[in-house]
Amino acid sequence: MALLVGAFLALAVGLFATATRLDRDRAFYPTVTIVIASYYALFAVMGASTDALMLESVVIAVFLAFAVFGFRSSLWLVVLALAAHGVFDLVHGRVISNPGVPAWWPAFCLTYDVAAAAYLAWLLKSNRVRAAT
């Protein structure tokens, strides 16, 4: 169920952003990437784990850097960051022990990330959104 909901929501958000022209602003998908990456910090706080929060903050900083650099240069880097975060979701539990992460989250976030990356890639390939500044 989490897999289907993640993919459905990513496509729904993408289609809504396109229909309302929110994604005409190049900052939209980099901002989505930053928000997606920050959820693991929220879960660390919910799980009352300072160690997890510190480790998650390092990972968040990497995704934040990709989002900002992608915004300033090419949104293809944001596609890469979203897809990479999906891969990170696959291995997260083996890399960082974060007691606040819901059991369903990795599967949900994996499919959300990959679907959002695919949707943004489609927008870029079809020239509906400009890749570079």
C-alpha atoms as a PDB file:
ATOM      1  CA  MET A   1       0.000   0.000   0.000  1.00  0.00           C
ATOM      2  CA  ALA A   2       2.787   2.466   0.900  1.00  0.00           C
ATOM      3  CA  LEU A   3       4.356   1.921  -2.525  1.00  0.00           C
ATOM      4  CA  LEU A   4       1.145   2.795  -4.354  1.00  0.00           C
ATOM      5  CA  VAL A   5       0.346   5.785  -2.183  1.00  0.00           C
ATOM      6  CA  GLY A   6       3.868   7.196  -2.572  1.00  0.00           C
ATOM      7  CA  ALA A   7       3.772   6.963  -6.356  1.00  0.00           C
ATOM      8  CA  PHE A   8       0.206   8.282  -6.549  1.00  0.00           C
ATOM      9  CA  LEU A   9       0.927  11.289  -4.334  1.00  0.00           C
ATOM     10  CA  ALA A  10       4.096  12.223  -6.216  1.00  0.00           C
ATOM     11  CA  LEU A  11       2.240  12.182  -9.509  1.00  0.00           C
ATOM     12  CA  ALA A  12      -0.732  14.034  -8.015  1.00  0.00           C
ATOM     13  CA  VAL A  13       1.530  16.745  -6.585  1.00  0.00           C
ATOM     14  CA  GLY A  14       3.434  17.000  -9.867  1.00  0.00           C
ATOM     15  CA  LEU A  15       0.286  17.239 -11.962  1.00  0.00           C
ATOM     16  CA  PHE A  16      -1.221  19.780  -9.576  1.00  0.00           C
ATOM     17  CA  ALA A  17       1.963  21.874  -9.667  1.00  0.00           C
ATOM     18  CA  THR A  18       1.930  21.772 -13.466  1.00  0.00           C
ATOM     19  CA  ALA A  19      -1.794  22.552 -13.762  1.00  0.00           C
ATOM     20  CA  THR A  20      -1.525  25.516 -11.396  1.00  0.00           C
ATOM     21  CA  ARG A  21       1.828  26.580 -12.862  1.00  0.00           C
ATOM     22  CA  LEU A  22       3.556  26.362  -9.495  1.00  0.00           C
ATOM     23  CA  ASP A  23       6.351  24.398 -11.143  1.00  0.00           C
ATOM     24  CA  ARG A  24       7.041  27.225 -13.612  1.00  0.00           C
ATOM     25  CA  ASP A  25       9.225  28.586 -10.836  1.00  0.00           C
ATOM     26  CA  ARG A  26      12.515  26.688 -10.992  1.00  0.00           C
ATOM     27  CA  ALA A  27      12.645  26.697  -7.179  1.00  0.00           C
ATOM     28  CA  PHE A  28       9.667  24.336  -6.867  1.00  0.00           C
ATOM     29  CA  TYR A  29      11.399  20.955  -7.242  1.00  0.00           C
ATOM     30  CA  PRO A  30      14.568  21.949  -5.353  1.00  0.00           C
ATOM     31  CA  THR A  31      12.289  22.995  -2.482  1.00  0.00           C
ATOM     32  CA  VAL A  32      10.440  19.673  -2.681  1.00  0.00           C
ATOM     33  CA  THR A  33      13.815  17.908  -2.483  1.00  0.00           C
ATOM     34  CA  ILE A  34      14.813  19.856   0.629  1.00  0.00           C
ATOM     35  CA  VAL A  35      11.504  19.102   2.341  1.00  0.00           C
ATOM     36  CA  ILE A  36      11.733  15.402   1.457  1.00  0.00           C
ATOM     37  CA  ALA A  37      15.247  15.159   2.884  1.00  0.00           C
ATOM     38  CA  SER A  38      14.247  16.929   6.103  1.00  0.00           C
ATOM     39  CA  TYR A  39      11.635  14.375   7.158  1.00  0.00           C
ATOM     40  CA  TYR A  40      14.260  12.030   8.596  1.00  0.00           C
ATOM     41  CA  ALA A  41      15.303  14.810  11.032  1.00  0.00           C
ATOM     42  CA  LEU A  42      11.667  15.124  12.096  1.00  0.00           C
ATOM     43  CA  PHE A  43      11.561  11.379  12.720  1.00  0.00           C
ATOM     44  CA  ALA A  44      14.774  11.573  14.782  1.00  0.00           C
ATOM     45  CA  VAL A  45      13.167  14.235  16.974  1.00  0.00           C
ATOM     46  CA  MET A  46       9.992  12.146  17.273  1.00  0.00           C
ATOM     47  CA  GLY A  47      12.135   9.162  18.276  1.00  0.00           C
ATOM     48  CA  ALA A  48      14.069  11.310  20.779  1.00  0.00           C
ATOM     49  CA  SER A  49      17.387  10.273  19.244  1.00  0.00           C
ATOM     50  CA  THR A  50      20.106  12.915  19.253  1.00  0.00           C
ATOM     51  CA  ASP A  51      22.521  10.502  17.565  1.00  0.00           C
ATOM     52  CA  ALA A  52      20.083   9.904  14.711  1.00  0.00           C
ATOM     53  CA  LEU A  53      19.429  13.642  14.417  1.00  0.00           C
ATOM     54  CA  MET A  54      23.155  14.351  14.048  1.00  0.00           C
ATOM     55  CA  LEU A  55      23.610  11.666  11.372  1.00  0.00           C
ATOM     56  CA  GLU A  56      20.430  12.638   9.548  1.00  0.00           C
ATOM     57  CA  SER A  57      21.574  16.275   9.535  1.00  0.00           C
ATOM     58  CA  VAL A  58      24.727  15.325   7.630  1.00  0.00           C
ATOM     59  CA  VAL A  59      22.676  13.496   5.002  1.00  0.00           C
ATOM     60  CA  ILE A  60      20.184  16.362   4.818  1.00  0.00           C
ATOM     61  CA  ALA A  61      23.054  18.781   4.187  1.00  0.00           C
ATOM     62  CA  VAL A  62      24.164  16.700   1.183  1.00  0.00           C
ATOM     63  CA  PHE A  63      20.674  16.713  -0.354  1.00  0.00           C
ATOM     64  CA  LEU A  64      20.261  20.402   0.455  1.00  0.00           C
ATOM     65  CA  ALA A  65      23.525  21.130  -1.378  1.00  0.00           C
ATOM     66  CA  PHE A  66      22.370  19.154  -4.430  1.00  0.00           C
ATOM     67  CA  ALA A  67      19.032  20.989  -4.409  1.00  0.00           C
ATOM     68  CA  VAL A  68      20.658  24.424  -4.242  1.00  0.00           C
ATOM     69  CA  PHE A  69      23.367  23.589  -6.761  1.00  0.00           C
ATOM     70  CA  GLY A  70      20.742  22.081  -9.079  1.00  0.00           C
ATOM     71  CA  PHE A  71      18.599  25.199  -8.754  1.00  0.00           C
ATOM     72  CA  ARG A  72      21.561  27.398  -9.621  1.00  0.00           C
ATOM     73  CA  SER A  73      22.852  25.273 -12.495  1.00  0.00           C
ATOM     74  CA  SER A  74      20.620  22.497 -13.860  1.00  0.00           C
ATOM     75  CA  LEU A  75      17.442  20.889 -12.592  1.00  0.00           C
ATOM     76  CA  TRP A  76      18.844  17.584 -13.862  1.00  0.00           C
ATOM     77  CA  LEU A  77      20.850  17.581 -10.616  1.00  0.00           C
ATOM     78  CA  VAL A  78      17.556  17.798  -8.746  1.00  0.00           C
ATOM     79  CA  VAL A  79      16.299  14.773 -10.699  1.00  0.00           C
ATOM     80  CA  LEU A  80      19.479  12.987  -9.592  1.00  0.00           C
ATOM     81  CA  ALA A  81      18.994  14.089  -5.980  1.00  0.00           C
ATOM     82  CA  LEU A  82      15.376  12.898  -5.877  1.00  0.00           C
ATOM     83  CA  ALA A  83      16.301   9.521  -7.371  1.00  0.00           C
ATOM     84  CA  ALA A  84      19.312   9.230  -5.037  1.00  0.00           C
ATOM     85  CA  HIS A  85      17.077   9.911  -2.059  1.00  0.00           C
ATOM     86  CA  GLY A  86      14.903   7.019  -3.211  1.00  0.00           C
ATOM     87  CA  VAL A  87      17.984   4.772  -3.171  1.00  0.00           C
ATOM     88  CA  PHE A  88      18.863   6.174   0.258  1.00  0.00           C
ATOM     89  CA  ASP A  89      15.406   5.123   1.474  1.00  0.00           C
ATOM     90  CA  LEU A  90      16.263   1.545   0.471  1.00  0.00           C
ATOM     91  CA  VAL A  91      19.359   1.431   2.690  1.00  0.00           C
ATOM     92  CA  HIS A  92      18.467   3.997   5.345  1.00  0.00           C
ATOM     93  CA  GLY A  93      17.646   1.488   8.070  1.00  0.00           C
ATOM     94  CA  ARG A  94      20.986  -0.273   7.587  1.00  0.00           C
ATOM     95  CA  VAL A  95      22.948   2.977   7.665  1.00  0.00           C
ATOM     96  CA  ILE A  96      21.207   5.054  10.344  1.00  0.00           C
ATOM     97  CA  SER A  97      19.272   3.752  13.320  1.00  0.00           C
ATOM     98  CA  ASN A  98      16.394   6.200  13.661  1.00  0.00           C
ATOM     99  CA  PRO A  99      13.679   4.972  16.057  1.00  0.00           C
ATOM    100  CA  GLY A 100      11.166   7.584  14.905  1.00  0.00           C
ATOM    101  CA  VAL A 101      10.909   6.356  11.298  1.00  0.00           C
ATOM    102  CA  PRO A 102       7.515   4.701  10.723  1.00  0.00           C
ATOM    103  CA  ALA A 103       7.773   1.161   9.340  1.00  0.00           C
ATOM    104  CA  TRP A 104       5.935   2.161   6.144  1.00  0.00           C
ATOM    105  CA  TRP A 105       7.990   5.311   5.475  1.00  0.00           C
ATOM    106  CA  PRO A 106      10.946   3.891   3.496  1.00  0.00           C
ATOM    107  CA  ALA A 107       8.666   2.226   0.917  1.00  0.00           C
ATOM    108  CA  PHE A 108       6.419   5.293   0.683  1.00  0.00           C
ATOM    109  CA  CYS A 109       9.305   7.732   0.364  1.00  0.00           C
ATOM    110  CA  LEU A 110      11.161   5.515  -2.118  1.00  0.00           C
ATOM    111  CA  THR A 111       8.266   5.492  -4.563  1.00  0.00           C
ATOM    112  CA  TYR A 112       7.461   9.161  -3.969  1.00  0.00           C
ATOM    113  CA  ASP A 113      11.073  10.133  -4.681  1.00  0.00           C
ATOM    114  CA  VAL A 114      11.433   7.993  -7.789  1.00  0.00           C
ATOM    115  CA  ALA A 115       8.053   9.073  -9.191  1.00  0.00           C
ATOM    116  CA  ALA A 116       8.840  12.746  -8.501  1.00  0.00           C
ATOM    117  CA  ALA A 117      12.249  12.337 -10.176  1.00  0.00           C
ATOM    118  CA  ALA A 118      10.630  10.677 -13.189  1.00  0.00           C
ATOM    119  CA  TYR A 119       7.981  13.396 -13.447  1.00  0.00           C
ATOM    120  CA  LEU A 120      10.570  16.173 -13.257  1.00  0.00           C
ATOM    121  CA  ALA A 121      12.712  14.362 -15.847  1.00  0.00           C
ATOM    122  CA  TRP A 122       9.684  14.208 -18.149  1.00  0.00           C
ATOM    123  CA  LEU A 123       9.045  17.931 -17.651  1.00  0.00           C
ATOM    124  CA  LEU A 124      12.665  18.700 -18.504  1.00  0.00           C
ATOM    125  CA  LYS A 125      12.809  16.367 -21.529  1.00  0.00           C
ATOM    126  CA  SER A 126       9.604  17.830 -22.944  1.00  0.00           C
ATOM    127  CA  ASN A 127      10.858  21.390 -22.313  1.00  0.00           C
ATOM    128  CA  ARG A 128       7.907  22.204 -20.069  1.00  0.00           C
ATOM    129  CA  VAL A 129      10.393  23.383 -17.439  1.00  0.00           C
ATOM    130  CA  ARG A 130      13.810  24.881 -18.155  1.00  0.00           C
ATOM    131  CA  ALA A 131      16.698  22.760 -16.902  1.00  0.00           C
ATOM    132  CA  ALA A 132      19.239  25.572 -16.653  1.00  0.00           C
ATOM    133  CA  THR A 133      19.118  29.183 -15.577  1.00  0.00           C
END
